[in-house]
Amino acid sequence: MTLIASDELTDGRHIELPPEAGDVNAPRFEPNDGWLRAAEPAAQKAAIWRWFATRYEEIETTTPSEATGDTLEPQGGTVALDATLRERFAEVVPAEVLDGLIQQAQSRAGNDWTPHRLDKAGS
């Protein structure tokens, strides 16, 4: 399984975030909440997903398995996608936007994710 592309979560549209959204080239994207509140729903989803994807990754693609097929506990533990997104964005975007994004992401990769560790270069 590969990381979910943002256009899979924005109705097939590729959304380029404007500079007002935040520094999209930062290793850990942090959206401007003022911009996010005023953005259209597809742009909100794209920005939220960029925030999440720069911090977390799918467990299945990053977690080694034992010879028996049992998945080992990911280094750094796991986080719940839904709780993490609600904690950060519930006060910023409408519930239906957040709920829709969560449902789409869960249907493709589940709810358990693991923290993405930056390398020494910060990427």
PDB file of N, CA and C in Angstrom:
ATOM      1  N   MET A   1       0.846  -1.177   0.000  1.00  0.00           N
ATOM      2  CA  MET A   1       0.000   0.000   0.000  1.00  0.00           C
ATOM      3  C   MET A   1       0.894   1.244   0.000  1.00  0.00           C
ATOM      4  N   THR A   2       0.495   2.248  -0.744  1.00  0.00           N
ATOM      5  CA  THR A   2       1.265   3.487  -0.787  1.00  0.00           C
ATOM      6  C   THR A   2       0.484   4.599  -0.122  1.00  0.00           C
ATOM      7  N   LEU A   3       1.172   5.685   0.170  1.00  0.00           N
ATOM      8  CA  LEU A   3       0.525   6.820   0.811  1.00  0.00           C
ATOM      9  C   LEU A   3      -0.589   7.353  -0.069  1.00  0.00           C
ATOM     10  N   ILE A   4      -1.690   7.660   0.519  1.00  0.00           N
ATOM     11  CA  ILE A   4      -2.842   8.175  -0.203  1.00  0.00           C
ATOM     12  C   ILE A   4      -2.492   9.522  -0.829  1.00  0.00           C
ATOM     13  N   ALA A   5      -2.767   9.661  -2.118  1.00  0.00           N
ATOM     14  CA  ALA A   5      -2.546  10.941  -2.802  1.00  0.00           C
ATOM     15  C   ALA A   5      -3.676  11.890  -2.455  1.00  0.00           C
ATOM     16  N   SER A   6      -3.358  13.157  -2.361  1.00  0.00           N
ATOM     17  CA  SER A   6      -4.381  14.124  -1.957  1.00  0.00           C
ATOM     18  C   SER A   6      -5.537  14.188  -2.937  1.00  0.00           C
ATOM     19  N   ASP A   7      -5.293  13.957  -4.246  1.00  0.00           N
ATOM     20  CA  ASP A   7      -6.408  14.029  -5.188  1.00  0.00           C
ATOM     21  C   ASP A   7      -7.405  12.894  -4.987  1.00  0.00           C
ATOM     22  N   GLU A   8      -6.995  11.817  -4.322  1.00  0.00           N
ATOM     23  CA  GLU A   8      -7.929  10.750  -3.985  1.00  0.00           C
ATOM     24  C   GLU A   8      -8.923  11.211  -2.922  1.00  0.00           C
ATOM     25  N   LEU A   9      -8.580  12.248  -2.199  1.00  0.00           N
ATOM     26  CA  LEU A   9      -9.412  12.732  -1.101  1.00  0.00           C
ATOM     27  C   LEU A   9     -10.106  14.051  -1.429  1.00  0.00           C
ATOM     28  N   THR A  10      -9.873  14.573  -2.624  1.00  0.00           N
ATOM     29  CA  THR A  10     -10.474  15.857  -3.020  1.00  0.00           C
ATOM     30  C   THR A  10     -11.269  15.692  -4.309  1.00  0.00           C
ATOM     31  N   ASP A  11     -12.022  14.616  -4.395  1.00  0.00           N
ATOM     32  CA  ASP A  11     -12.899  14.349  -5.539  1.00  0.00           C
ATOM     33  C   ASP A  11     -12.139  14.323  -6.862  1.00  0.00           C
ATOM     34  N   GLY A  12     -10.942  13.785  -6.852  1.00  0.00           N
ATOM     35  CA  GLY A  12     -10.160  13.639  -8.063  1.00  0.00           C
ATOM     36  C   GLY A  12      -9.487  14.907  -8.555  1.00  0.00           C
ATOM     37  N   ARG A  13      -9.609  15.971  -7.820  1.00  0.00           N
ATOM     38  CA  ARG A  13      -9.006  17.247  -8.215  1.00  0.00           C
ATOM     39  C   ARG A  13      -7.633  17.400  -7.578  1.00  0.00           C
ATOM     40  N   HIS A  14      -6.691  17.877  -8.378  1.00  0.00           N
ATOM     41  CA  HIS A  14      -5.379  18.223  -7.828  1.00  0.00           C
ATOM     42  C   HIS A  14      -5.470  19.665  -7.351  1.00  0.00           C
ATOM     43  N   ILE A  15      -5.229  19.889  -6.086  1.00  0.00           N
ATOM     44  CA  ILE A  15      -5.330  21.222  -5.496  1.00  0.00           C
ATOM     45  C   ILE A  15      -3.924  21.734  -5.197  1.00  0.00           C
ATOM     46  N   GLU A  16      -3.553  22.834  -5.816  1.00  0.00           N
ATOM     47  CA  GLU A  16      -2.293  23.491  -5.465  1.00  0.00           C
ATOM     48  C   GLU A  16      -2.595  24.518  -4.392  1.00  0.00           C
ATOM     49  N   LEU A  17      -1.975  24.353  -3.252  1.00  0.00           N
ATOM     50  CA  LEU A  17      -2.213  25.283  -2.158  1.00  0.00           C
ATOM     51  C   LEU A  17      -1.463  26.589  -2.415  1.00  0.00           C
ATOM     52  N   PRO A  18      -2.123  27.725  -2.209  1.00  0.00           N
ATOM     53  CA  PRO A  18      -1.468  29.018  -2.427  1.00  0.00           C
ATOM     54  C   PRO A  18      -0.501  29.334  -1.284  1.00  0.00           C
ATOM     55  N   PRO A  19       0.380  30.300  -1.486  1.00  0.00           N
ATOM     56  CA  PRO A  19       1.320  30.681  -0.421  1.00  0.00           C
ATOM     57  C   PRO A  19       0.623  31.056   0.885  1.00  0.00           C
ATOM     58  N   GLU A  20      -0.580  31.625   0.794  1.00  0.00           N
ATOM     59  CA  GLU A  20      -1.317  32.012   2.006  1.00  0.00           C
ATOM     60  C   GLU A  20      -1.682  30.812   2.874  1.00  0.00           C
ATOM     61  N   ALA A  21      -1.692  29.617   2.279  1.00  0.00           N
ATOM     62  CA  ALA A  21      -2.060  28.408   3.018  1.00  0.00           C
ATOM     63  C   ALA A  21      -0.991  28.012   4.025  1.00  0.00           C
ATOM     64  N   GLY A  22       0.249  28.388   3.763  1.00  0.00           N
ATOM     65  CA  GLY A  22       1.369  27.992   4.602  1.00  0.00           C
ATOM     66  C   GLY A  22       2.524  27.559   3.723  1.00  0.00           C
ATOM     67  N   ASP A  23       3.639  27.222   4.328  1.00  0.00           N
ATOM     68  CA  ASP A  23       4.830  26.815   3.585  1.00  0.00           C
ATOM     69  C   ASP A  23       4.705  25.351   3.187  1.00  0.00           C
ATOM     70  N   VAL A  24       4.269  25.115   1.949  1.00  0.00           N
ATOM     71  CA  VAL A  24       4.049  23.746   1.490  1.00  0.00           C
ATOM     72  C   VAL A  24       5.350  22.978   1.297  1.00  0.00           C
ATOM     73  N   ASN A  25       6.473  23.660   1.317  1.00  0.00           N
ATOM     74  CA  ASN A  25       7.764  22.988   1.161  1.00  0.00           C
ATOM     75  C   ASN A  25       8.418  22.633   2.493  1.00  0.00           C
ATOM     76  N   ALA A  26       7.795  23.010   3.579  1.00  0.00           N
ATOM     77  CA  ALA A  26       8.342  22.694   4.902  1.00  0.00           C
ATOM     78  C   ALA A  26       8.238  21.190   5.154  1.00  0.00           C
ATOM     79  N   PRO A  27       9.212  20.609   5.844  1.00  0.00           N
ATOM     80  CA  PRO A  27       9.131  19.180   6.156  1.00  0.00           C
ATOM     81  C   PRO A  27       7.854  18.817   6.925  1.00  0.00           C
ATOM     82  N   ARG A  28       7.388  19.725   7.759  1.00  0.00           N
ATOM     83  CA  ARG A  28       6.135  19.538   8.492  1.00  0.00           C
ATOM     84  C   ARG A  28       5.232  20.719   8.139  1.00  0.00           C
ATOM     85  N   PHE A  29       4.324  20.504   7.215  1.00  0.00           N
ATOM     86  CA  PHE A  29       3.423  21.564   6.778  1.00  0.00           C
ATOM     87  C   PHE A  29       2.508  21.988   7.917  1.00  0.00           C
ATOM     88  N   GLU A  30       2.428  23.282   8.138  1.00  0.00           N
ATOM     89  CA  GLU A  30       1.526  23.840   9.153  1.00  0.00           C
ATOM     90  C   GLU A  30       0.639  24.870   8.460  1.00  0.00           C
ATOM     91  N   PRO A  31      -0.640  24.526   8.248  1.00  0.00           N
ATOM     92  CA  PRO A  31      -1.508  25.460   7.533  1.00  0.00           C
ATOM     93  C   PRO A  31      -1.844  26.696   8.352  1.00  0.00           C
ATOM     94  N   ASN A  32      -2.079  27.779   7.652  1.00  0.00           N
ATOM     95  CA  ASN A  32      -2.536  29.024   8.252  1.00  0.00           C
ATOM     96  C   ASN A  32      -4.027  28.845   8.550  1.00  0.00           C
ATOM     97  N   ASP A  33      -4.392  28.830   9.823  1.00  0.00           N
ATOM     98  CA  ASP A  33      -5.784  28.566  10.196  1.00  0.00           C
ATOM     99  C   ASP A  33      -6.752  29.604   9.642  1.00  0.00           C
ATOM    100  N   GLY A  34      -6.333  30.861   9.543  1.00  0.00           N
ATOM    101  CA  GLY A  34      -7.192  31.890   8.969  1.00  0.00           C
ATOM    102  C   GLY A  34      -7.521  31.593   7.522  1.00  0.00           C
ATOM    103  N   TRP A  35      -6.504  31.214   6.760  1.00  0.00           N
ATOM    104  CA  TRP A  35      -6.729  30.834   5.367  1.00  0.00           C
ATOM    105  C   TRP A  35      -7.607  29.590   5.302  1.00  0.00           C
ATOM    106  N   LEU A  36      -7.303  28.621   6.141  1.00  0.00           N
ATOM    107  CA  LEU A  36      -8.018  27.348   6.124  1.00  0.00           C
ATOM    108  C   LEU A  36      -9.511  27.537   6.385  1.00  0.00           C
ATOM    109  N   ARG A  37      -9.861  28.393   7.325  1.00  0.00           N
ATOM    110  CA  ARG A  37     -11.277  28.647   7.631  1.00  0.00           C
ATOM    111  C   ARG A  37     -12.040  29.172   6.413  1.00  0.00           C
ATOM    112  N   ALA A  38     -11.379  30.005   5.604  1.00  0.00           N
ATOM    113  CA  ALA A  38     -12.032  30.650   4.466  1.00  0.00           C
ATOM    114  C   ALA A  38     -11.928  29.850   3.166  1.00  0.00           C
ATOM    115  N   ALA A  39     -11.119  28.813   3.133  1.00  0.00           N
ATOM    116  CA  ALA A  39     -10.885  28.054   1.902  1.00  0.00           C
ATOM    117  C   ALA A  39     -12.102  27.220   1.524  1.00  0.00           C
ATOM    118  N   GLU A  40     -12.179  26.871   0.245  1.00  0.00           N
ATOM    119  CA  GLU A  40     -13.246  25.980  -0.212  1.00  0.00           C
ATOM    120  C   GLU A  40     -12.989  24.580   0.358  1.00  0.00           C
ATOM    121  N   PRO A  41     -14.033  23.740   0.464  1.00  0.00           N
ATOM    122  CA  PRO A  41     -13.873  22.418   1.085  1.00  0.00           C
ATOM    123  C   PRO A  41     -12.763  21.553   0.483  1.00  0.00           C
ATOM    124  N   ALA A  42     -12.621  21.524  -0.835  1.00  0.00           N
ATOM    125  CA  ALA A  42     -11.569  20.694  -1.438  1.00  0.00           C
ATOM    126  C   ALA A  42     -10.187  21.187  -1.027  1.00  0.00           C
ATOM    127  N   ALA A  43     -10.002  22.493  -0.959  1.00  0.00           N
ATOM    128  CA  ALA A  43      -8.715  23.051  -0.526  1.00  0.00           C
ATOM    129  C   ALA A  43      -8.488  22.777   0.960  1.00  0.00           C
ATOM    130  N   GLN A  44      -9.547  22.820   1.752  1.00  0.00           N
ATOM    131  CA  GLN A  44      -9.425  22.484   3.170  1.00  0.00           C
ATOM    132  C   GLN A  44      -8.940  21.047   3.323  1.00  0.00           C
ATOM    133  N   LYS A  45      -9.556  20.132   2.571  1.00  0.00           N
ATOM    134  CA  LYS A  45      -9.149  18.726   2.641  1.00  0.00           C
ATOM    135  C   LYS A  45      -7.694  18.552   2.218  1.00  0.00           C
ATOM    136  N   ALA A  46      -7.301  19.230   1.146  1.00  0.00           N
ATOM    137  CA  ALA A  46      -5.921  19.109   0.661  1.00  0.00           C
ATOM    138  C   ALA A  46      -4.925  19.608   1.706  1.00  0.00           C
ATOM    139  N   ALA A  47      -5.227  20.726   2.332  1.00  0.00           N
ATOM    140  CA  ALA A  47      -4.323  21.278   3.345  1.00  0.00           C
ATOM    141  C   ALA A  47      -4.271  20.396   4.586  1.00  0.00           C
ATOM    142  N   ILE A  48      -5.416  19.906   5.018  1.00  0.00           N
ATOM    143  CA  ILE A  48      -5.453  19.026   6.191  1.00  0.00           C
ATOM    144  C   ILE A  48      -4.670  17.750   5.901  1.00  0.00           C
ATOM    145  N   TRP A  49      -4.876  17.201   4.706  1.00  0.00           N
ATOM    146  CA  TRP A  49      -4.170  15.968   4.369  1.00  0.00           C
ATOM    147  C   TRP A  49      -2.666  16.202   4.284  1.00  0.00           C
ATOM    148  N   ARG A  50      -2.250  17.332   3.733  1.00  0.00           N
ATOM    149  CA  ARG A  50      -0.816  17.641   3.672  1.00  0.00           C
ATOM    150  C   ARG A  50      -0.245  17.730   5.086  1.00  0.00           C
ATOM    151  N   TRP A  51      -0.976  18.369   6.003  1.00  0.00           N
ATOM    152  CA  TRP A  51      -0.537  18.452   7.397  1.00  0.00           C
ATOM    153  C   TRP A  51      -0.346  17.045   7.958  1.00  0.00           C
ATOM    154  N   PHE A  52      -1.341  16.189   7.770  1.00  0.00           N
ATOM    155  CA  PHE A  52      -1.283  14.839   8.321  1.00  0.00           C
ATOM    156  C   PHE A  52      -0.168  14.016   7.661  1.00  0.00           C
ATOM    157  N   ALA A  53      -0.089  14.073   6.335  1.00  0.00           N
ATOM    158  CA  ALA A  53       0.874  13.244   5.602  1.00  0.00           C
ATOM    159  C   ALA A  53       2.323  13.653   5.838  1.00  0.00           C
ATOM    160  N   THR A  54       2.571  14.860   6.313  1.00  0.00           N
ATOM    161  CA  THR A  54       3.945  15.254   6.638  1.00  0.00           C
ATOM    162  C   THR A  54       4.327  14.841   8.056  1.00  0.00           C
ATOM    163  N   ARG A  55       3.387  14.256   8.770  1.00  0.00           N
ATOM    164  CA  ARG A  55       3.641  13.825  10.147  1.00  0.00           C
ATOM    165  C   ARG A  55       3.465  12.329  10.376  1.00  0.00           C
ATOM    166  N   TYR A  56       2.628  11.695   9.583  1.00  0.00           N
ATOM    167  CA  TYR A  56       2.267  10.292   9.814  1.00  0.00           C
ATOM    168  C   TYR A  56       2.310   9.515   8.510  1.00  0.00           C
ATOM    169  N   GLU A  57       2.479   8.194   8.636  1.00  0.00           N
ATOM    170  CA  GLU A  57       2.462   7.332   7.464  1.00  0.00           C
ATOM    171  C   GLU A  57       1.722   6.049   7.780  1.00  0.00           C
ATOM    172  N   GLU A  58       1.306   5.386   6.706  1.00  0.00           N
ATOM    173  CA  GLU A  58       0.549   4.155   6.873  1.00  0.00           C
ATOM    174  C   GLU A  58       1.405   3.101   7.562  1.00  0.00           C
ATOM    175  N   ILE A  59       0.801   2.376   8.458  1.00  0.00           N
ATOM    176  CA  ILE A  59       1.531   1.349   9.203  1.00  0.00           C
ATOM    177  C   ILE A  59       2.008   0.236   8.281  1.00  0.00           C
ATOM    178  N   GLU A  60       1.176  -0.202   7.367  1.00  0.00           N
ATOM    179  CA  GLU A  60       1.527  -1.343   6.522  1.00  0.00           C
ATOM    180  C   GLU A  60       2.748  -1.093   5.655  1.00  0.00           C
ATOM    181  N   THR A  61       3.014   0.140   5.289  1.00  0.00           N
ATOM    182  CA  THR A  61       4.163   0.422   4.425  1.00  0.00           C
ATOM    183  C   THR A  61       5.444   0.664   5.204  1.00  0.00           C
ATOM    184  N   THR A  62       5.348   0.837   6.505  1.00  0.00           N
ATOM    185  CA  THR A  62       6.536   1.193   7.286  1.00  0.00           C
ATOM    186  C   THR A  62       6.886   0.206   8.379  1.00  0.00           C
ATOM    187  N   THR A  63       6.014  -0.746   8.643  1.00  0.00           N
ATOM    188  CA  THR A  63       6.208  -1.634   9.776  1.00  0.00           C
ATOM    189  C   THR A  63       6.672  -3.007   9.315  1.00  0.00           C
ATOM    190  N   PRO A  64       7.818  -3.466   9.803  1.00  0.00           N
ATOM    191  CA  PRO A  64       8.282  -4.802   9.419  1.00  0.00           C
ATOM    192  C   PRO A  64       7.390  -5.880  10.020  1.00  0.00           C
ATOM    193  N   SER A  65       7.401  -7.029   9.368  1.00  0.00           N
ATOM    194  CA  SER A  65       6.623  -8.163   9.858  1.00  0.00           C
ATOM    195  C   SER A  65       7.567  -9.279  10.263  1.00  0.00           C
ATOM    196  N   GLU A  66       7.109 -10.083  11.206  1.00  0.00           N
ATOM    197  CA  GLU A  66       7.870 -11.254  11.609  1.00  0.00           C
ATOM    198  C   GLU A  66       7.670 -12.341  10.558  1.00  0.00           C
ATOM    199  N   ALA A  67       8.481 -13.366  10.611  1.00  0.00           N
ATOM    200  CA  ALA A  67       8.368 -14.473   9.668  1.00  0.00           C
ATOM    201  C   ALA A  67       6.995 -15.133   9.738  1.00  0.00           C
ATOM    202  N   THR A  68       6.340 -15.061  10.896  1.00  0.00           N
ATOM    203  CA  THR A  68       5.021 -15.665  11.061  1.00  0.00           C
ATOM    204  C   THR A  68       3.928 -14.850  10.393  1.00  0.00           C
ATOM    205  N   GLY A  69       4.279 -13.649   9.929  1.00  0.00           N
ATOM    206  CA  GLY A  69       3.276 -12.793   9.305  1.00  0.00           C
ATOM    207  C   GLY A  69       2.673 -11.782  10.253  1.00  0.00           C
ATOM    208  N   ASP A  70       3.029 -11.886  11.536  1.00  0.00           N
ATOM    209  CA  ASP A  70       2.521 -10.920  12.505  1.00  0.00           C
ATOM    210  C   ASP A  70       3.265  -9.601  12.336  1.00  0.00           C
ATOM    211  N   THR A  71       2.513  -8.514  12.350  1.00  0.00           N
ATOM    212  CA  THR A  71       3.124  -7.195  12.223  1.00  0.00           C
ATOM    213  C   THR A  71       3.724  -6.784  13.557  1.00  0.00           C
ATOM    214  N   LEU A  72       4.943  -6.289  13.521  1.00  0.00           N
ATOM    215  CA  LEU A  72       5.587  -5.800  14.733  1.00  0.00           C
ATOM    216  C   LEU A  72       5.015  -4.444  15.102  1.00  0.00           C
ATOM    217  N   GLU A  73       5.067  -4.103  16.360  1.00  0.00           N
ATOM    218  CA  GLU A  73       4.607  -2.786  16.812  1.00  0.00           C
ATOM    219  C   GLU A  73       5.490  -1.720  16.180  1.00  0.00           C
ATOM    220  N   PRO A  74       4.891  -0.735  15.517  1.00  0.00           N
ATOM    221  CA  PRO A  74       5.702   0.305  14.878  1.00  0.00           C
ATOM    222  C   PRO A  74       6.518   1.092  15.890  1.00  0.00           C
ATOM    223  N   GLN A  75       7.733   1.449  15.495  1.00  0.00           N
ATOM    224  CA  GLN A  75       8.571   2.285  16.345  1.00  0.00           C
ATOM    225  C   GLN A  75       7.887   3.641  16.467  1.00  0.00           C
ATOM    226  N   GLY A  76       7.697   4.113  17.678  1.00  0.00           N
ATOM    227  CA  GLY A  76       6.993   5.376  17.888  1.00  0.00           C
ATOM    228  C   GLY A  76       5.515   5.178  18.151  1.00  0.00           C
ATOM    229  N   GLY A  77       5.051   3.925  18.125  1.00  0.00           N
ATOM    230  CA  GLY A  77       3.650   3.650  18.409  1.00  0.00           C
ATOM    231  C   GLY A  77       2.731   4.006  17.255  1.00  0.00           C
ATOM    232  N   THR A  78       1.459   4.111  17.571  1.00  0.00           N
ATOM    233  CA  THR A  78       0.468   4.437  16.554  1.00  0.00           C
ATOM    234  C   THR A  78      -0.386   5.610  17.012  1.00  0.00           C
ATOM    235  N   VAL A  79      -1.027   6.235  16.043  1.00  0.00           N
ATOM    236  CA  VAL A  79      -1.994   7.293  16.321  1.00  0.00           C
ATOM    237  C   VAL A  79      -3.269   6.963  15.565  1.00  0.00           C
ATOM    238  N   ALA A  80      -4.377   7.433  16.089  1.00  0.00           N
ATOM    239  CA  ALA A  80      -5.663   7.260  15.422  1.00  0.00           C
ATOM    240  C   ALA A  80      -5.883   8.449  14.490  1.00  0.00           C
ATOM    241  N   LEU A  81      -6.073   8.158  13.226  1.00  0.00           N
ATOM    242  CA  LEU A  81      -6.302   9.192  12.220  1.00  0.00           C
ATOM    243  C   LEU A  81      -7.437  10.123  12.621  1.00  0.00           C
ATOM    244  N   ASP A  82      -8.579   9.546  12.981  1.00  0.00           N
ATOM    245  CA  ASP A  82      -9.757  10.374  13.282  1.00  0.00           C
ATOM    246  C   ASP A  82      -9.526  11.290  14.474  1.00  0.00           C
ATOM    247  N   ALA A  83      -8.994  10.757  15.549  1.00  0.00           N
ATOM    248  CA  ALA A  83      -8.773  11.570  16.750  1.00  0.00           C
ATOM    249  C   ALA A  83      -7.721  12.652  16.506  1.00  0.00           C
ATOM    250  N   THR A  84      -6.676  12.304  15.771  1.00  0.00           N
ATOM    251  CA  THR A  84      -5.603  13.267  15.494  1.00  0.00           C
ATOM    252  C   THR A  84      -6.119  14.434  14.663  1.00  0.00           C
ATOM    253  N   LEU A  85      -6.882  14.137  13.610  1.00  0.00           N
ATOM    254  CA  LEU A  85      -7.410  15.210  12.764  1.00  0.00           C
ATOM    255  C   LEU A  85      -8.451  16.044  13.501  1.00  0.00           C
ATOM    256  N   ARG A  86      -9.302  15.399  14.280  1.00  0.00           N
ATOM    257  CA  ARG A  86     -10.313  16.166  15.024  1.00  0.00           C
ATOM    258  C   ARG A  86      -9.667  17.069  16.075  1.00  0.00           C
ATOM    259  N   GLU A  87      -8.640  16.557  16.738  1.00  0.00           N
ATOM    260  CA  GLU A  87      -7.966  17.362  17.761  1.00  0.00           C
ATOM    261  C   GLU A  87      -7.362  18.628  17.155  1.00  0.00           C
ATOM    262  N   ARG A  88      -6.787  18.508  15.977  1.00  0.00           N
ATOM    263  CA  ARG A  88      -6.119  19.658  15.357  1.00  0.00           C
ATOM    264  C   ARG A  88      -7.086  20.579  14.595  1.00  0.00           C
ATOM    265  N   PHE A  89      -8.116  20.012  13.934  1.00  0.00           N
ATOM    266  CA  PHE A  89      -8.887  20.817  12.987  1.00  0.00           C
ATOM    267  C   PHE A  89     -10.371  20.993  13.298  1.00  0.00           C
ATOM    268  N   ALA A  90     -10.888  20.395  14.359  1.00  0.00           N
ATOM    269  CA  ALA A  90     -12.328  20.475  14.637  1.00  0.00           C
ATOM    270  C   ALA A  90     -12.824  21.902  14.823  1.00  0.00           C
ATOM    271  N   GLU A  91     -11.982  22.768  15.332  1.00  0.00           N
ATOM    272  CA  GLU A  91     -12.390  24.158  15.557  1.00  0.00           C
ATOM    273  C   GLU A  91     -12.097  25.055  14.351  1.00  0.00           C
ATOM    274  N   VAL A  92     -11.547  24.472  13.294  1.00  0.00           N
ATOM    275  CA  VAL A  92     -11.100  25.274  12.156  1.00  0.00           C
ATOM    276  C   VAL A  92     -11.968  25.075  10.916  1.00  0.00           C
ATOM    277  N   VAL A  93     -12.363  23.844  10.634  1.00  0.00           N
ATOM    278  CA  VAL A  93     -13.157  23.565   9.430  1.00  0.00           C
ATOM    279  C   VAL A  93     -14.492  22.934   9.823  1.00  0.00           C
ATOM    280  N   PRO A  94     -15.493  23.014   8.933  1.00  0.00           N
ATOM    281  CA  PRO A  94     -16.792  22.407   9.237  1.00  0.00           C
ATOM    282  C   PRO A  94     -16.680  20.896   9.464  1.00  0.00           C
ATOM    283  N   ALA A  95     -17.518  20.389  10.343  1.00  0.00           N
ATOM    284  CA  ALA A  95     -17.497  18.967  10.685  1.00  0.00           C
ATOM    285  C   ALA A  95     -17.683  18.086   9.461  1.00  0.00           C
ATOM    286  N   GLU A  96     -18.549  18.494   8.526  1.00  0.00           N
ATOM    287  CA  GLU A  96     -18.792  17.642   7.356  1.00  0.00           C
ATOM    288  C   GLU A  96     -17.546  17.525   6.469  1.00  0.00           C
ATOM    289  N   VAL A  97     -16.733  18.559   6.411  1.00  0.00           N
ATOM    290  CA  VAL A  97     -15.480  18.488   5.644  1.00  0.00           C
ATOM    291  C   VAL A  97     -14.521  17.517   6.329  1.00  0.00           C
ATOM    292  N   LEU A  98     -14.351  17.676   7.612  1.00  0.00           N
ATOM    293  CA  LEU A  98     -13.436  16.826   8.372  1.00  0.00           C
ATOM    294  C   LEU A  98     -13.911  15.377   8.377  1.00  0.00           C
ATOM    295  N   ASP A  99     -15.198  15.168   8.620  1.00  0.00           N
ATOM    296  CA  ASP A  99     -15.743  13.808   8.637  1.00  0.00           C
ATOM    297  C   ASP A  99     -15.589  13.128   7.280  1.00  0.00           C
ATOM    298  N   GLY A 100     -15.826  13.884   6.201  1.00  0.00           N
ATOM    299  CA  GLY A 100     -15.679  13.320   4.860  1.00  0.00           C
ATOM    300  C   GLY A 100     -14.247  12.893   4.578  1.00  0.00           C
ATOM    301  N   LEU A 101     -13.300  13.727   4.951  1.00  0.00           N
ATOM    302  CA  LEU A 101     -11.888  13.405   4.758  1.00  0.00           C
ATOM    303  C   LEU A 101     -11.502  12.175   5.578  1.00  0.00           C
ATOM    304  N   ILE A 102     -11.934  12.137   6.811  1.00  0.00           N
ATOM    305  CA  ILE A 102     -11.623  10.999   7.681  1.00  0.00           C
ATOM    306  C   ILE A 102     -12.187   9.711   7.100  1.00  0.00           C
ATOM    307  N   GLN A 103     -13.433   9.731   6.667  1.00  0.00           N
ATOM    308  CA  GLN A 103     -14.056   8.528   6.101  1.00  0.00           C
ATOM    309  C   GLN A 103     -13.322   8.057   4.850  1.00  0.00           C
ATOM    310  N   GLN A 104     -12.958   8.992   3.981  1.00  0.00           N
ATOM    311  CA  GLN A 104     -12.243   8.621   2.758  1.00  0.00           C
ATOM    312  C   GLN A 104     -10.879   8.012   3.082  1.00  0.00           C
ATOM    313  N   ALA A 105     -10.145   8.618   3.980  1.00  0.00           N
ATOM    314  CA  ALA A 105      -8.819   8.109   4.334  1.00  0.00           C
ATOM    315  C   ALA A 105      -8.919   6.754   5.031  1.00  0.00           C
ATOM    316  N   GLN A 106      -9.869   6.605   5.940  1.00  0.00           N
ATOM    317  CA  GLN A 106     -10.040   5.331   6.640  1.00  0.00           C
ATOM    318  C   GLN A 106     -10.398   4.213   5.670  1.00  0.00           C
ATOM    319  N   SER A 107     -11.218   4.509   4.671  1.00  0.00           N
ATOM    320  CA  SER A 107     -11.628   3.468   3.726  1.00  0.00           C
ATOM    321  C   SER A 107     -10.455   2.993   2.871  1.00  0.00           C
ATOM    322  N   ARG A 108      -9.443   3.811   2.715  1.00  0.00           N
ATOM    323  CA  ARG A 108      -8.285   3.444   1.903  1.00  0.00           C
ATOM    324  C   ARG A 108      -7.131   2.867   2.725  1.00  0.00           C
ATOM    325  N   ALA A 109      -6.988   3.304   3.970  1.00  0.00           N
ATOM    326  CA  ALA A 109      -5.795   2.890   4.719  1.00  0.00           C
ATOM    327  C   ALA A 109      -6.042   2.604   6.192  1.00  0.00           C
ATOM    328  N   GLY A 110      -7.277   2.633   6.641  1.00  0.00           N
ATOM    329  CA  GLY A 110      -7.545   2.346   8.041  1.00  0.00           C
ATOM    330  C   GLY A 110      -7.362   3.556   8.937  1.00  0.00           C
ATOM    331  N   ASN A 111      -7.488   3.330  10.225  1.00  0.00           N
ATOM    332  CA  ASN A 111      -7.454   4.425  11.189  1.00  0.00           C
ATOM    333  C   ASN A 111      -6.144   4.515  11.965  1.00  0.00           C
ATOM    334  N   ASP A 112      -5.341   3.457  11.951  1.00  0.00           N
ATOM    335  CA  ASP A 112      -4.089   3.451  12.716  1.00  0.00           C
ATOM    336  C   ASP A 112      -2.913   3.821  11.823  1.00  0.00           C
ATOM    337  N   TRP A 113      -2.176   4.833  12.244  1.00  0.00           N
ATOM    338  CA  TRP A 113      -1.026   5.347  11.509  1.00  0.00           C
ATOM    339  C   TRP A 113       0.149   5.436  12.468  1.00  0.00           C
ATOM    340  N   THR A 114       1.340   5.632  11.931  1.00  0.00           N
ATOM    341  CA  THR A 114       2.530   5.747  12.761  1.00  0.00           C
ATOM    342  C   THR A 114       3.240   7.073  12.462  1.00  0.00           C
ATOM    343  N   PRO A 115       3.870   7.664  13.461  1.00  0.00           N
ATOM    344  CA  PRO A 115       4.579   8.925  13.214  1.00  0.00           C
ATOM    345  C   PRO A 115       5.671   8.766  12.154  1.00  0.00           C
ATOM    346  N   HIS A 116       5.763   9.761  11.299  1.00  0.00           N
ATOM    347  CA  HIS A 116       6.807   9.820  10.267  1.00  0.00           C
ATOM    348  C   HIS A 116       8.010  10.521  10.879  1.00  0.00           C
ATOM    349  N   ARG A 117       9.123   9.843  10.883  1.00  0.00           N
ATOM    350  CA  ARG A 117      10.333  10.422  11.472  1.00  0.00           C
ATOM    351  C   ARG A 117      11.120  11.151  10.399  1.00  0.00           C
ATOM    352  N   LEU A 118      11.527  12.366  10.685  1.00  0.00           N
ATOM    353  CA  LEU A 118      12.346  13.134   9.756  1.00  0.00           C
ATOM    354  C   LEU A 118      13.783  12.635   9.806  1.00  0.00           C
ATOM    355  N   ASP A 119      14.466  12.695   8.666  1.00  0.00           N
ATOM    356  CA  ASP A 119      15.880  12.346   8.681  1.00  0.00           C
ATOM    357  C   ASP A 119      16.701  13.550   9.152  1.00  0.00           C
ATOM    358  N   LYS A 120      18.001  13.404   9.199  1.00  0.00           N
ATOM    359  CA  LYS A 120      18.854  14.477   9.716  1.00  0.00           C
ATOM    360  C   LYS A 120      18.768  15.748   8.888  1.00  0.00           C
ATOM    361  N   ALA A 121      18.394  15.613   7.615  1.00  0.00           N
ATOM    362  CA  ALA A 121      18.259  16.782   6.746  1.00  0.00           C
ATOM    363  C   ALA A 121      16.922  17.478   6.955  1.00  0.00           C
ATOM    364  N   GLY A 122      16.049  16.858   7.749  1.00  0.00           N
ATOM    365  CA  GLY A 122      14.749  17.465   8.037  1.00  0.00           C
ATOM    366  C   GLY A 122      13.681  17.118   7.033  1.00  0.00           C
ATOM    367  N   SER A 123      13.875  16.044   6.274  1.00  0.00           N
ATOM    368  CA  SER A 123      12.852  15.647   5.308  1.00  0.00           C
ATOM    369  C   SER A 123      12.423  14.218   5.514  1.00  0.00           C
TER     370      SER A 123
END
